[in-house]
Amino acid sequence: MDCKYAVPAESPEVFCKYTQGERLLDTTNPDEEQHVPFKHRAKARLFPGNICRLLFKNLPNGKSNFTCNIKGSQADSVTAIKTSVVEKKLLLPCTAWSVLLQSCSGLLLTLMTLPMLLEIHWL
């Protein structure tokens, strides 16, 4: 799950955290402690382009509510909150083939057309 945000001018550093109800799944703030059952299942990361991403393993069946909280490093900074509902059966399966098609489509196309190009050149 991605959470996109705008960086306030007065707060150069932001922290991101994902919660499920009162349980903290993970955070980029080193001062907050992650809920123990999610230690090896959930990971929050900041990415370029002002994106906070939650990577979650073993998503339970049914619908799950995830809340993204973005807060500046200063105590008086404003917090942005976004809640999303994720239903496991509606997610696309992540397979090696789907990753290959999404990330390497140009390479795959080149490899598929290379024999044809070589054959035409030798005629």
PDB file of N, CA and C in Angstrom:
ATOM      1  N   MET A   1       0.852  -1.170   0.000  1.00  0.00           N
ATOM      2  CA  MET A   1       0.000   0.000   0.000  1.00  0.00           C
ATOM      3  C   MET A   1       0.896   1.230   0.000  1.00  0.00           C
ATOM      4  N   ASP A   2       0.598   2.183  -0.862  1.00  0.00           N
ATOM      5  CA  ASP A   2       1.367   3.423  -0.939  1.00  0.00           C
ATOM      6  C   ASP A   2       0.562   4.578  -0.378  1.00  0.00           C
ATOM      7  N   CYS A   3       1.265   5.487   0.258  1.00  0.00           N
ATOM      8  CA  CYS A   3       0.671   6.698   0.809  1.00  0.00           C
ATOM      9  C   CYS A   3       1.527   7.856   0.295  1.00  0.00           C
ATOM     10  N   LYS A   4       0.969   8.691  -0.563  1.00  0.00           N
ATOM     11  CA  LYS A   4       1.705   9.822  -1.125  1.00  0.00           C
ATOM     12  C   LYS A   4       1.381  11.073  -0.317  1.00  0.00           C
ATOM     13  N   TYR A   5       2.379  11.910  -0.082  1.00  0.00           N
ATOM     14  CA  TYR A   5       2.196  13.084   0.763  1.00  0.00           C
ATOM     15  C   TYR A   5       2.994  14.255   0.209  1.00  0.00           C
ATOM     16  N   ALA A   6       2.675  15.455   0.688  1.00  0.00           N
ATOM     17  CA  ALA A   6       3.426  16.665   0.353  1.00  0.00           C
ATOM     18  C   ALA A   6       4.228  17.068   1.584  1.00  0.00           C
ATOM     19  N   VAL A   7       5.470  17.448   1.380  1.00  0.00           N
ATOM     20  CA  VAL A   7       6.336  17.824   2.499  1.00  0.00           C
ATOM     21  C   VAL A   7       6.095  19.277   2.863  1.00  0.00           C
ATOM     22  N   PRO A   8       5.699  19.555   4.126  1.00  0.00           N
ATOM     23  CA  PRO A   8       5.535  20.946   4.543  1.00  0.00           C
ATOM     24  C   PRO A   8       6.885  21.663   4.579  1.00  0.00           C
ATOM     25  N   ALA A   9       6.892  22.933   4.225  1.00  0.00           N
ATOM     26  CA  ALA A   9       8.142  23.703   4.163  1.00  0.00           C
ATOM     27  C   ALA A   9       8.826  23.796   5.523  1.00  0.00           C
ATOM     28  N   GLU A  10       8.044  23.860   6.602  1.00  0.00           N
ATOM     29  CA  GLU A  10       8.632  24.024   7.932  1.00  0.00           C
ATOM     30  C   GLU A  10       9.148  22.712   8.522  1.00  0.00           C
ATOM     31  N   SER A  11       8.882  21.597   7.878  1.00  0.00           N
ATOM     32  CA  SER A  11       9.305  20.304   8.406  1.00  0.00           C
ATOM     33  C   SER A  11      10.046  19.514   7.329  1.00  0.00           C
ATOM     34  N   PRO A  12      11.379  19.609   7.307  1.00  0.00           N
ATOM     35  CA  PRO A  12      12.132  18.928   6.265  1.00  0.00           C
ATOM     36  C   PRO A  12      12.109  17.400   6.401  1.00  0.00           C
ATOM     37  N   GLU A  13      11.922  16.898   7.613  1.00  0.00           N
ATOM     38  CA  GLU A  13      11.902  15.452   7.829  1.00  0.00           C
ATOM     39  C   GLU A  13      10.498  15.013   8.220  1.00  0.00           C
ATOM     40  N   VAL A  14      10.050  13.916   7.649  1.00  0.00           N
ATOM     41  CA  VAL A  14       8.731  13.385   7.991  1.00  0.00           C
ATOM     42  C   VAL A  14       8.876  11.942   8.460  1.00  0.00           C
ATOM     43  N   PHE A  15       7.912  11.534   9.270  1.00  0.00           N
ATOM     44  CA  PHE A  15       7.822  10.149   9.709  1.00  0.00           C
ATOM     45  C   PHE A  15       6.514   9.582   9.207  1.00  0.00           C
ATOM     46  N   CYS A  16       6.546   8.336   8.861  1.00  0.00           N
ATOM     47  CA  CYS A  16       5.371   7.648   8.348  1.00  0.00           C
ATOM     48  C   CYS A  16       5.099   6.448   9.239  1.00  0.00           C
ATOM     49  N   LYS A  17       3.826   6.213   9.524  1.00  0.00           N
ATOM     50  CA  LYS A  17       3.489   4.992  10.251  1.00  0.00           C
ATOM     51  C   LYS A  17       2.178   4.442   9.726  1.00  0.00           C
ATOM     52  N   TYR A  18       2.070   3.134   9.768  1.00  0.00           N
ATOM     53  CA  TYR A  18       0.860   2.431   9.368  1.00  0.00           C
ATOM     54  C   TYR A  18       0.290   1.742  10.592  1.00  0.00           C
ATOM     55  N   THR A  19      -1.013   1.911  10.771  1.00  0.00           N
ATOM     56  CA  THR A  19      -1.691   1.274  11.892  1.00  0.00           C
ATOM     57  C   THR A  19      -2.883   0.475  11.381  1.00  0.00           C
ATOM     58  N   GLN A  20      -3.309  -0.456  12.211  1.00  0.00           N
ATOM     59  CA  GLN A  20      -4.521  -1.225  11.966  1.00  0.00           C
ATOM     60  C   GLN A  20      -5.279  -1.174  13.282  1.00  0.00           C
ATOM     61  N   GLY A  21      -6.239  -0.266  13.344  1.00  0.00           N
ATOM     62  CA  GLY A  21      -6.899   0.006  14.622  1.00  0.00           C
ATOM     63  C   GLY A  21      -5.907   0.699  15.541  1.00  0.00           C
ATOM     64  N   GLU A  22      -5.695   0.146  16.715  1.00  0.00           N
ATOM     65  CA  GLU A  22      -4.730   0.710  17.668  1.00  0.00           C
ATOM     66  C   GLU A  22      -3.348   0.074  17.533  1.00  0.00           C
ATOM     67  N   ARG A  23      -3.236  -0.948  16.713  1.00  0.00           N
ATOM     68  CA  ARG A  23      -1.967  -1.673  16.581  1.00  0.00           C
ATOM     69  C   ARG A  23      -1.057  -0.993  15.570  1.00  0.00           C
ATOM     70  N   LEU A  24       0.183  -0.797  15.953  1.00  0.00           N
ATOM     71  CA  LEU A  24       1.182  -0.197  15.077  1.00  0.00           C
ATOM     72  C   LEU A  24       1.815  -1.298  14.228  1.00  0.00           C
ATOM     73  N   LEU A  25       1.568  -1.248  12.917  1.00  0.00           N
ATOM     74  CA  LEU A  25       2.162  -2.242  12.018  1.00  0.00           C
ATOM     75  C   LEU A  25       3.648  -1.975  11.848  1.00  0.00           C
ATOM     76  N   ASP A  26       3.998  -0.732  11.475  1.00  0.00           N
ATOM     77  CA  ASP A  26       5.398  -0.321  11.404  1.00  0.00           C
ATOM     78  C   ASP A  26       5.464   1.184  11.221  1.00  0.00           C
ATOM     79  N   THR A  27       6.643   1.735  11.476  1.00  0.00           N
ATOM     80  CA  THR A  27       6.861   3.171  11.384  1.00  0.00           C
ATOM     81  C   THR A  27       8.296   3.453  10.963  1.00  0.00           C
ATOM     82  N   THR A  28       8.514   4.626  10.410  1.00  0.00           N
ATOM     83  CA  THR A  28       9.872   5.063  10.099  1.00  0.00           C
ATOM     84  C   THR A  28      10.459   5.862  11.255  1.00  0.00           C
ATOM     85  N   ASN A  29       9.670   6.094  12.290  1.00  0.00           N
ATOM     86  CA  ASN A  29      10.118   6.829  13.470  1.00  0.00           C
ATOM     87  C   ASN A  29      10.811   5.859  14.430  1.00  0.00           C
ATOM     88  N   PRO A  30      12.110   6.048  14.684  1.00  0.00           N
ATOM     89  CA  PRO A  30      12.826   5.116  15.568  1.00  0.00           C
ATOM     90  C   PRO A  30      12.377   5.187  17.029  1.00  0.00           C
ATOM     91  N   ASP A  31      11.648   6.233  17.414  1.00  0.00           N
ATOM     92  CA  ASP A  31      11.200   6.375  18.801  1.00  0.00           C
ATOM     93  C   ASP A  31       9.932   5.584  19.106  1.00  0.00           C
ATOM     94  N   GLU A  32       9.253   5.069  18.082  1.00  0.00           N
ATOM     95  CA  GLU A  32       8.032   4.292  18.295  1.00  0.00           C
ATOM     96  C   GLU A  32       8.336   2.811  18.109  1.00  0.00           C
ATOM     97  N   GLU A  33       7.674   1.980  18.916  1.00  0.00           N
ATOM     98  CA  GLU A  33       7.933   0.545  18.865  1.00  0.00           C
ATOM     99  C   GLU A  33       6.835  -0.185  18.101  1.00  0.00           C
ATOM    100  N   GLN A  34       7.264  -1.059  17.223  1.00  0.00           N
ATOM    101  CA  GLN A  34       6.350  -1.842  16.393  1.00  0.00           C
ATOM    102  C   GLN A  34       5.640  -2.895  17.247  1.00  0.00           C
ATOM    103  N   HIS A  35       4.349  -3.145  16.943  1.00  0.00           N
ATOM    104  CA  HIS A  35       3.564  -4.180  17.621  1.00  0.00           C
ATOM    105  C   HIS A  35       4.227  -5.534  17.326  1.00  0.00           C
ATOM    106  N   VAL A  36       4.510  -6.328  18.357  1.00  0.00           N
ATOM    107  CA  VAL A  36       5.319  -7.542  18.241  1.00  0.00           C
ATOM    108  C   VAL A  36       4.852  -8.527  17.158  1.00  0.00           C
ATOM    109  N   PRO A  37       3.560  -8.848  17.018  1.00  0.00           N
ATOM    110  CA  PRO A  37       3.174  -9.821  15.982  1.00  0.00           C
ATOM    111  C   PRO A  37       3.497  -9.382  14.548  1.00  0.00           C
ATOM    112  N   PHE A  38       3.762  -8.110  14.340  1.00  0.00           N
ATOM    113  CA  PHE A  38       4.031  -7.610  12.989  1.00  0.00           C
ATOM    114  C   PHE A  38       5.520  -7.391  12.728  1.00  0.00           C
ATOM    115  N   LYS A  39       6.382  -7.784  13.673  1.00  0.00           N
ATOM    116  CA  LYS A  39       7.825  -7.552  13.552  1.00  0.00           C
ATOM    117  C   LYS A  39       8.398  -8.059  12.228  1.00  0.00           C
ATOM    118  N   HIS A  40       8.002  -9.254  11.813  1.00  0.00           N
ATOM    119  CA  HIS A  40       8.562  -9.847  10.598  1.00  0.00           C
ATOM    120  C   HIS A  40       7.563  -9.871   9.443  1.00  0.00           C
ATOM    121  N   ARG A  41       6.398  -9.250   9.627  1.00  0.00           N
ATOM    122  CA  ARG A  41       5.364  -9.279   8.584  1.00  0.00           C
ATOM    123  C   ARG A  41       5.154  -7.939   7.901  1.00  0.00           C
ATOM    124  N   ALA A  42       5.393  -6.833   8.609  1.00  0.00           N
ATOM    125  CA  ALA A  42       5.087  -5.505   8.058  1.00  0.00           C
ATOM    126  C   ALA A  42       6.332  -4.627   8.069  1.00  0.00           C
ATOM    127  N   LYS A  43       6.496  -3.844   7.005  1.00  0.00           N
ATOM    128  CA  LYS A  43       7.630  -2.936   6.914  1.00  0.00           C
ATOM    129  C   LYS A  43       7.187  -1.653   6.230  1.00  0.00           C
ATOM    130  N   ALA A  44       7.396  -0.520   6.885  1.00  0.00           N
ATOM    131  CA  ALA A  44       7.105   0.797   6.306  1.00  0.00           C
ATOM    132  C   ALA A  44       8.415   1.407   5.820  1.00  0.00           C
ATOM    133  N   ARG A  45       8.393   1.945   4.616  1.00  0.00           N
ATOM    134  CA  ARG A  45       9.581   2.549   4.022  1.00  0.00           C
ATOM    135  C   ARG A  45       9.208   3.839   3.314  1.00  0.00           C
ATOM    136  N   LEU A  46      10.123   4.816   3.366  1.00  0.00           N
ATOM    137  CA  LEU A  46       9.967   6.063   2.617  1.00  0.00           C
ATOM    138  C   LEU A  46      10.703   5.920   1.290  1.00  0.00           C
ATOM    139  N   PHE A  47      10.060   6.353   0.212  1.00  0.00           N
ATOM    140  CA  PHE A  47      10.645   6.277  -1.121  1.00  0.00           C
ATOM    141  C   PHE A  47      10.691   7.671  -1.737  1.00  0.00           C
ATOM    142  N   PRO A  48      11.593   7.888  -2.705  1.00  0.00           N
ATOM    143  CA  PRO A  48      11.634   9.178  -3.393  1.00  0.00           C
ATOM    144  C   PRO A  48      10.285   9.486  -4.033  1.00  0.00           C
ATOM    145  N   GLY A  49       9.979  10.760  -4.112  1.00  0.00           N
ATOM    146  CA  GLY A  49       8.691  11.184  -4.653  1.00  0.00           C
ATOM    147  C   GLY A  49       7.643  11.312  -3.564  1.00  0.00           C
ATOM    148  N   ASN A  50       8.096  11.401  -2.300  1.00  0.00           N
ATOM    149  CA  ASN A  50       7.194  11.555  -1.147  1.00  0.00           C
ATOM    150  C   ASN A  50       6.180  10.419  -1.060  1.00  0.00           C
ATOM    151  N   ILE A  51       6.680   9.207  -1.062  1.00  0.00           N
ATOM    152  CA  ILE A  51       5.829   8.025  -0.956  1.00  0.00           C
ATOM    153  C   ILE A  51       6.248   7.212   0.258  1.00  0.00           C
ATOM    154  N   CYS A  52       5.263   6.835   1.055  1.00  0.00           N
ATOM    155  CA  CYS A  52       5.488   5.904   2.154  1.00  0.00           C
ATOM    156  C   CYS A  52       4.786   4.610   1.766  1.00  0.00           C
ATOM    157  N   ARG A  53       5.520   3.505   1.773  1.00  0.00           N
ATOM    158  CA  ARG A  53       4.973   2.228   1.317  1.00  0.00           C
ATOM    159  C   ARG A  53       4.957   1.222   2.463  1.00  0.00           C
ATOM    160  N   LEU A  54       3.841   0.518   2.575  1.00  0.00           N
ATOM    161  CA  LEU A  54       3.717  -0.584   3.524  1.00  0.00           C
ATOM    162  C   LEU A  54       3.845  -1.888   2.758  1.00  0.00           C
ATOM    163  N   LEU A  55       4.815  -2.694   3.158  1.00  0.00           N
ATOM    164  CA  LEU A  55       4.969  -4.043   2.620  1.00  0.00           C
ATOM    165  C   LEU A  55       4.460  -4.987   3.698  1.00  0.00           C
ATOM    166  N   PHE A  56       3.481  -5.810   3.365  1.00  0.00           N
ATOM    167  CA  PHE A  56       2.817  -6.646   4.368  1.00  0.00           C
ATOM    168  C   PHE A  56       2.757  -8.086   3.881  1.00  0.00           C
ATOM    169  N   LYS A  57       3.325  -9.006   4.660  1.00  0.00           N
ATOM    170  CA  LYS A  57       3.317 -10.428   4.319  1.00  0.00           C
ATOM    171  C   LYS A  57       2.132 -11.107   4.989  1.00  0.00           C
ATOM    172  N   ASN A  58       1.624 -12.145   4.351  1.00  0.00           N
ATOM    173  CA  ASN A  58       0.542 -12.973   4.903  1.00  0.00           C
ATOM    174  C   ASN A  58      -0.685 -12.148   5.278  1.00  0.00           C
ATOM    175  N   LEU A  59      -1.203 -11.436   4.304  1.00  0.00           N
ATOM    176  CA  LEU A  59      -2.412 -10.639   4.506  1.00  0.00           C
ATOM    177  C   LEU A  59      -3.567 -11.571   4.855  1.00  0.00           C
ATOM    178  N   PRO A  60      -4.318 -11.287   5.926  1.00  0.00           N
ATOM    179  CA  PRO A  60      -5.429 -12.170   6.298  1.00  0.00           C
ATOM    180  C   PRO A  60      -6.550 -12.109   5.260  1.00  0.00           C
ATOM    181  N   ASN A  61      -7.353 -13.177   5.195  1.00  0.00           N
ATOM    182  CA  ASN A  61      -8.496 -13.212   4.279  1.00  0.00           C
ATOM    183  C   ASN A  61      -9.521 -12.169   4.699  1.00  0.00           C
ATOM    184  N   GLY A  62     -10.321 -11.725   3.744  1.00  0.00           N
ATOM    185  CA  GLY A  62     -11.338 -10.723   4.043  1.00  0.00           C
ATOM    186  C   GLY A  62     -10.805  -9.321   3.844  1.00  0.00           C
ATOM    187  N   LYS A  63     -11.507  -8.361   4.433  1.00  0.00           N
ATOM    188  CA  LYS A  63     -11.135  -6.953   4.299  1.00  0.00           C
ATOM    189  C   LYS A  63     -10.284  -6.520   5.490  1.00  0.00           C
ATOM    190  N   SER A  64      -9.287  -5.685   5.214  1.00  0.00           N
ATOM    191  CA  SER A  64      -8.421  -5.146   6.259  1.00  0.00           C
ATOM    192  C   SER A  64      -8.332  -3.637   6.099  1.00  0.00           C
ATOM    193  N   ASN A  65      -8.430  -2.908   7.197  1.00  0.00           N
ATOM    194  CA  ASN A  65      -8.276  -1.452   7.195  1.00  0.00           C
ATOM    195  C   ASN A  65      -6.847  -1.105   7.585  1.00  0.00           C
ATOM    196  N   PHE A  66      -6.207  -0.284   6.777  1.00  0.00           N
ATOM    197  CA  PHE A  66      -4.868   0.200   7.076  1.00  0.00           C
ATOM    198  C   PHE A  66      -4.908   1.718   7.085  1.00  0.00           C
ATOM    199  N   THR A  67      -4.293   2.323   8.090  1.00  0.00           N
ATOM    200  CA  THR A  67      -4.249   3.779   8.194  1.00  0.00           C
ATOM    201  C   THR A  67      -2.806   4.244   8.091  1.00  0.00           C
ATOM    202  N   CYS A  68      -2.573   5.183   7.187  1.00  0.00           N
ATOM    203  CA  CYS A  68      -1.253   5.777   6.992  1.00  0.00           C
ATOM    204  C   CYS A  68      -1.249   7.134   7.691  1.00  0.00           C
ATOM    205  N   ASN A  69      -0.279   7.358   8.554  1.00  0.00           N
ATOM    206  CA  ASN A  69      -0.128   8.631   9.262  1.00  0.00           C
ATOM    207  C   ASN A  69       1.205   9.247   8.857  1.00  0.00           C
ATOM    208  N   ILE A  70       1.166  10.486   8.385  1.00  0.00           N
ATOM    209  CA  ILE A  70       2.377  11.221   8.031  1.00  0.00           C
ATOM    210  C   ILE A  70       2.493  12.385   9.000  1.00  0.00           C
ATOM    211  N   LYS A  71       3.642  12.476   9.663  1.00  0.00           N
ATOM    212  CA  LYS A  71       3.846  13.545  10.639  1.00  0.00           C
ATOM    213  C   LYS A  71       5.245  14.107  10.469  1.00  0.00           C
ATOM    214  N   GLY A  72       5.355  15.422  10.579  1.00  0.00           N
ATOM    215  CA  GLY A  72       6.655  16.070  10.522  1.00  0.00           C
ATOM    216  C   GLY A  72       7.448  15.806  11.785  1.00  0.00           C
ATOM    217  N   SER A  73       8.746  16.064  11.735  1.00  0.00           N
ATOM    218  CA  SER A  73       9.613  15.784  12.879  1.00  0.00           C
ATOM    219  C   SER A  73       9.425  16.768  14.026  1.00  0.00           C
ATOM    220  N   GLN A  74       8.836  17.941  13.758  1.00  0.00           N
ATOM    221  CA  GLN A  74       8.607  18.916  14.821  1.00  0.00           C
ATOM    222  C   GLN A  74       7.341  18.559  15.585  1.00  0.00           C
ATOM    223  N   ALA A  75       7.332  18.842  16.869  1.00  0.00           N
ATOM    224  CA  ALA A  75       6.217  18.454  17.740  1.00  0.00           C
ATOM    225  C   ALA A  75       4.896  19.097  17.328  1.00  0.00           C
ATOM    226  N   ASP A  76       4.936  20.329  16.812  1.00  0.00           N
ATOM    227  CA  ASP A  76       3.695  21.029  16.472  1.00  0.00           C
ATOM    228  C   ASP A  76       3.292  20.863  15.000  1.00  0.00           C
ATOM    229  N   SER A  77       3.941  19.960  14.282  1.00  0.00           N
ATOM    230  CA  SER A  77       3.621  19.802  12.862  1.00  0.00           C
ATOM    231  C   SER A  77       2.298  19.059  12.675  1.00  0.00           C
ATOM    232  N   VAL A  78       1.672  19.315  11.547  1.00  0.00           N
ATOM    233  CA  VAL A  78       0.359  18.756  11.238  1.00  0.00           C
ATOM    234  C   VAL A  78       0.504  17.301  10.788  1.00  0.00           C
ATOM    235  N   THR A  79      -0.453  16.485  11.163  1.00  0.00           N
ATOM    236  CA  THR A  79      -0.463  15.084  10.764  1.00  0.00           C
ATOM    237  C   THR A  79      -1.488  14.871   9.660  1.00  0.00           C
ATOM    238  N   ALA A  80      -1.089  14.155   8.625  1.00  0.00           N
ATOM    239  CA  ALA A  80      -2.016  13.770   7.556  1.00  0.00           C
ATOM    240  C   ALA A  80      -2.357  12.300   7.747  1.00  0.00           C
ATOM    241  N   ILE A  81      -3.637  11.960   7.601  1.00  0.00           N
ATOM    242  CA  ILE A  81      -4.092  10.593   7.829  1.00  0.00           C
ATOM    243  C   ILE A  81      -4.890  10.114   6.621  1.00  0.00           C
ATOM    244  N   LYS A  82      -4.620   8.887   6.194  1.00  0.00           N
ATOM    245  CA  LYS A  82      -5.354   8.271   5.084  1.00  0.00           C
ATOM    246  C   LYS A  82      -5.652   6.823   5.471  1.00  0.00           C
ATOM    247  N   THR A  83      -6.912   6.419   5.373  1.00  0.00           N
ATOM    248  CA  THR A  83      -7.297   5.042   5.669  1.00  0.00           C
ATOM    249  C   THR A  83      -7.768   4.366   4.391  1.00  0.00           C
ATOM    250  N   SER A  84      -7.292   3.150   4.172  1.00  0.00           N
ATOM    251  CA  SER A  84      -7.679   2.380   2.992  1.00  0.00           C
ATOM    252  C   SER A  84      -8.124   0.991   3.411  1.00  0.00           C
ATOM    253  N   VAL A  85      -9.095   0.467   2.669  1.00  0.00           N
ATOM    254  CA  VAL A  85      -9.572  -0.895   2.894  1.00  0.00           C
ATOM    255  C   VAL A  85      -8.996  -1.773   1.792  1.00  0.00           C
ATOM    256  N   VAL A  86      -8.366  -2.860   2.197  1.00  0.00           N
ATOM    257  CA  VAL A  86      -7.769  -3.794   1.250  1.00  0.00           C
ATOM    258  C   VAL A  86      -8.477  -5.133   1.402  1.00  0.00           C
ATOM    259  N   GLU A  87      -8.948  -5.687   0.278  1.00  0.00           N
ATOM    260  CA  GLU A  87      -9.577  -7.004   0.302  1.00  0.00           C
ATOM    261  C   GLU A  87      -8.670  -7.977  -0.438  1.00  0.00           C
ATOM    262  N   LYS A  88      -8.244  -9.012   0.279  1.00  0.00           N
ATOM    263  CA  LYS A  88      -7.243  -9.936  -0.255  1.00  0.00           C
ATOM    264  C   LYS A  88      -7.662 -10.574  -1.573  1.00  0.00           C
ATOM    265  N   LYS A  89      -8.917 -10.977  -1.708  1.00  0.00           N
ATOM    266  CA  LYS A  89      -9.333 -11.692  -2.923  1.00  0.00           C
ATOM    267  C   LYS A  89      -9.323 -10.802  -4.166  1.00  0.00           C
ATOM    268  N   LEU A  90      -9.284  -9.471  -3.988  1.00  0.00           N
ATOM    269  CA  LEU A  90      -9.249  -8.561  -5.131  1.00  0.00           C
ATOM    270  C   LEU A  90      -7.827  -8.217  -5.575  1.00  0.00           C
ATOM    271  N   LEU A  91      -6.830  -8.628  -4.789  1.00  0.00           N
ATOM    272  CA  LEU A  91      -5.442  -8.334  -5.135  1.00  0.00           C
ATOM    273  C   LEU A  91      -4.945  -9.303  -6.198  1.00  0.00           C
ATOM    274  N   LEU A  92      -4.102  -8.810  -7.088  1.00  0.00           N
ATOM    275  CA  LEU A  92      -3.498  -9.665  -8.099  1.00  0.00           C
ATOM    276  C   LEU A  92      -2.382 -10.478  -7.462  1.00  0.00           C
ATOM    277  N   PRO A  93      -2.257 -11.745  -7.827  1.00  0.00           N
ATOM    278  CA  PRO A  93      -1.175 -12.552  -7.251  1.00  0.00           C
ATOM    279  C   PRO A  93       0.172 -12.073  -7.772  1.00  0.00           C
ATOM    280  N   CYS A  94       1.150 -12.092  -6.914  1.00  0.00           N
ATOM    281  CA  CYS A  94       2.501 -11.694  -7.297  1.00  0.00           C
ATOM    282  C   CYS A  94       3.281 -12.967  -7.604  1.00  0.00           C
ATOM    283  N   THR A  95       3.581 -13.176  -8.866  1.00  0.00           N
ATOM    284  CA  THR A  95       4.340 -14.345  -9.283  1.00  0.00           C
ATOM    285  C   THR A  95       5.595 -13.882  -9.996  1.00  0.00           C
ATOM    286  N   ALA A  96       6.516 -14.791 -10.169  1.00  0.00           N
ATOM    287  CA  ALA A  96       7.751 -14.444 -10.878  1.00  0.00           C
ATOM    288  C   ALA A  96       7.437 -13.999 -12.301  1.00  0.00           C
ATOM    289  N   TRP A  97       6.455 -14.640 -12.934  1.00  0.00           N
ATOM    290  CA  TRP A  97       6.091 -14.287 -14.302  1.00  0.00           C
ATOM    291  C   TRP A  97       5.515 -12.878 -14.380  1.00  0.00           C
ATOM    292  N   SER A  98       4.619 -12.511 -13.431  1.00  0.00           N
ATOM    293  CA  SER A  98       4.015 -11.178 -13.470  1.00  0.00           C
ATOM    294  C   SER A  98       5.060 -10.100 -13.193  1.00  0.00           C
ATOM    295  N   VAL A  99       6.010 -10.388 -12.308  1.00  0.00           N
ATOM    296  CA  VAL A  99       7.083  -9.427 -12.035  1.00  0.00           C
ATOM    297  C   VAL A  99       7.947  -9.256 -13.269  1.00  0.00           C
ATOM    298  N   LEU A 100       8.248 -10.363 -13.937  1.00  0.00           N
ATOM    299  CA  LEU A 100       9.054 -10.299 -15.155  1.00  0.00           C
ATOM    300  C   LEU A 100       8.365  -9.465 -16.225  1.00  0.00           C
ATOM    301  N   LEU A 101       7.073  -9.677 -16.400  1.00  0.00           N
ATOM    302  CA  LEU A 101       6.336  -8.925 -17.416  1.00  0.00           C
ATOM    303  C   LEU A 101       6.255  -7.444 -17.079  1.00  0.00           C
ATOM    304  N   GLN A 102       6.126  -7.112 -15.796  1.00  0.00           N
ATOM    305  CA  GLN A 102       5.999  -5.708 -15.408  1.00  0.00           C
ATOM    306  C   GLN A 102       7.333  -4.988 -15.437  1.00  0.00           C
ATOM    307  N   SER A 103       8.393  -5.638 -14.978  1.00  0.00           N
ATOM    308  CA  SER A 103       9.655  -4.931 -14.815  1.00  0.00           C
ATOM    309  C   SER A 103      10.597  -5.094 -15.999  1.00  0.00           C
ATOM    310  N   CYS A 104      10.426  -6.126 -16.776  1.00  0.00           N
ATOM    311  CA  CYS A 104      11.386  -6.401 -17.846  1.00  0.00           C
ATOM    312  C   CYS A 104      10.728  -6.528 -19.207  1.00  0.00           C
ATOM    313  N   SER A 105       9.673  -5.812 -19.446  1.00  0.00           N
ATOM    314  CA  SER A 105       8.966  -5.978 -20.721  1.00  0.00           C
ATOM    315  C   SER A 105       9.847  -5.604 -21.908  1.00  0.00           C
ATOM    316  N   GLY A 106      10.658  -4.577 -21.778  1.00  0.00           N
ATOM    317  CA  GLY A 106      11.555  -4.188 -22.868  1.00  0.00           C
ATOM    318  C   GLY A 106      12.596  -5.251 -23.145  1.00  0.00           C
ATOM    319  N   LEU A 107      13.169  -5.807 -22.086  1.00  0.00           N
ATOM    320  CA  LEU A 107      14.160  -6.868 -22.239  1.00  0.00           C
ATOM    321  C   LEU A 107      13.522  -8.114 -22.844  1.00  0.00           C
ATOM    322  N   LEU A 108      12.340  -8.464 -22.376  1.00  0.00           N
ATOM    323  CA  LEU A 108      11.637  -9.628 -22.897  1.00  0.00           C
ATOM    324  C   LEU A 108      11.317  -9.451 -24.383  1.00  0.00           C
ATOM    325  N   LEU A 109      10.870  -8.283 -24.762  1.00  0.00           N
ATOM    326  CA  LEU A 109      10.568  -8.008 -26.168  1.00  0.00           C
ATOM    327  C   LEU A 109      11.828  -8.122 -27.020  1.00  0.00           C
ATOM    328  N   THR A 110      12.943  -7.601 -26.520  1.00  0.00           N
ATOM    329  CA  THR A 110      14.207  -7.684 -27.250  1.00  0.00           C
ATOM    330  C   THR A 110      14.637  -9.129 -27.436  1.00  0.00           C
ATOM    331  N   LEU A 111      14.558  -9.919 -26.368  1.00  0.00           N
ATOM    332  CA  LEU A 111      14.966 -11.319 -26.457  1.00  0.00           C
ATOM    333  C   LEU A 111      14.075 -12.111 -27.402  1.00  0.00           C
ATOM    334  N   MET A 112      12.808 -11.764 -27.455  1.00  0.00           N
ATOM    335  CA  MET A 112      11.889 -12.478 -28.341  1.00  0.00           C
ATOM    336  C   MET A 112      12.100 -12.097 -29.809  1.00  0.00           C
ATOM    337  N   THR A 113      12.488 -10.869 -30.081  1.00  0.00           N
ATOM    338  CA  THR A 113      12.658 -10.425 -31.469  1.00  0.00           C
ATOM    339  C   THR A 113      14.084 -10.604 -31.977  1.00  0.00           C
ATOM    340  N   LEU A 114      15.029 -10.854 -31.100  1.00  0.00           N
ATOM    341  CA  LEU A 114      16.428 -10.989 -31.497  1.00  0.00           C
ATOM    342  C   LEU A 114      16.642 -12.107 -32.525  1.00  0.00           C
ATOM    343  N   PRO A 115      16.098 -13.317 -32.318  1.00  0.00           N
ATOM    344  CA  PRO A 115      16.292 -14.357 -33.349  1.00  0.00           C
ATOM    345  C   PRO A 115      15.741 -13.940 -34.712  1.00  0.00           C
ATOM    346  N   MET A 116      14.619 -13.269 -34.724  1.00  0.00           N
ATOM    347  CA  MET A 116      14.031 -12.833 -35.987  1.00  0.00           C
ATOM    348  C   MET A 116      14.933 -11.794 -36.657  1.00  0.00           C
ATOM    349  N   LEU A 117      15.471 -10.866 -35.889  1.00  0.00           N
ATOM    350  CA  LEU A 117      16.357  -9.848 -36.454  1.00  0.00           C
ATOM    351  C   LEU A 117      17.638 -10.463 -36.999  1.00  0.00           C
ATOM    352  N   LEU A 118      18.190 -11.435 -36.289  1.00  0.00           N
ATOM    353  CA  LEU A 118      19.414 -12.088 -36.757  1.00  0.00           C
ATOM    354  C   LEU A 118      19.162 -12.887 -38.034  1.00  0.00           C
ATOM    355  N   GLU A 119      18.017 -13.508 -38.134  1.00  0.00           N
ATOM    356  CA  GLU A 119      17.678 -14.292 -39.317  1.00  0.00           C
ATOM    357  C   GLU A 119      17.526 -13.394 -40.543  1.00  0.00           C
ATOM    358  N   ILE A 120      16.911 -12.245 -40.396  1.00  0.00           N
ATOM    359  CA  ILE A 120      16.731 -11.306 -41.508  1.00  0.00           C
ATOM    360  C   ILE A 120      18.083 -10.769 -41.959  1.00  0.00           C
ATOM    361  N   HIS A 121      18.971 -10.500 -41.023  1.00  0.00           N
ATOM    362  CA  HIS A 121      20.283  -9.948 -41.341  1.00  0.00           C
ATOM    363  C   HIS A 121      21.114 -10.940 -42.160  1.00  0.00           C
ATOM    364  N   TRP A 122      20.970 -12.220 -41.918  1.00  0.00           N
ATOM    365  CA  TRP A 122      21.777 -13.234 -42.589  1.00  0.00           C
ATOM    366  C   TRP A 122      21.235 -13.602 -43.965  1.00  0.00           C
ATOM    367  N   LEU A 123      20.048 -13.153 -44.317  1.00  0.00           N
ATOM    368  CA  LEU A 123      19.490 -13.493 -45.634  1.00  0.00           C
ATOM    369  C   LEU A 123      20.164 -12.750 -46.702  1.00  0.00           C
TER     370      LEU A 123
END
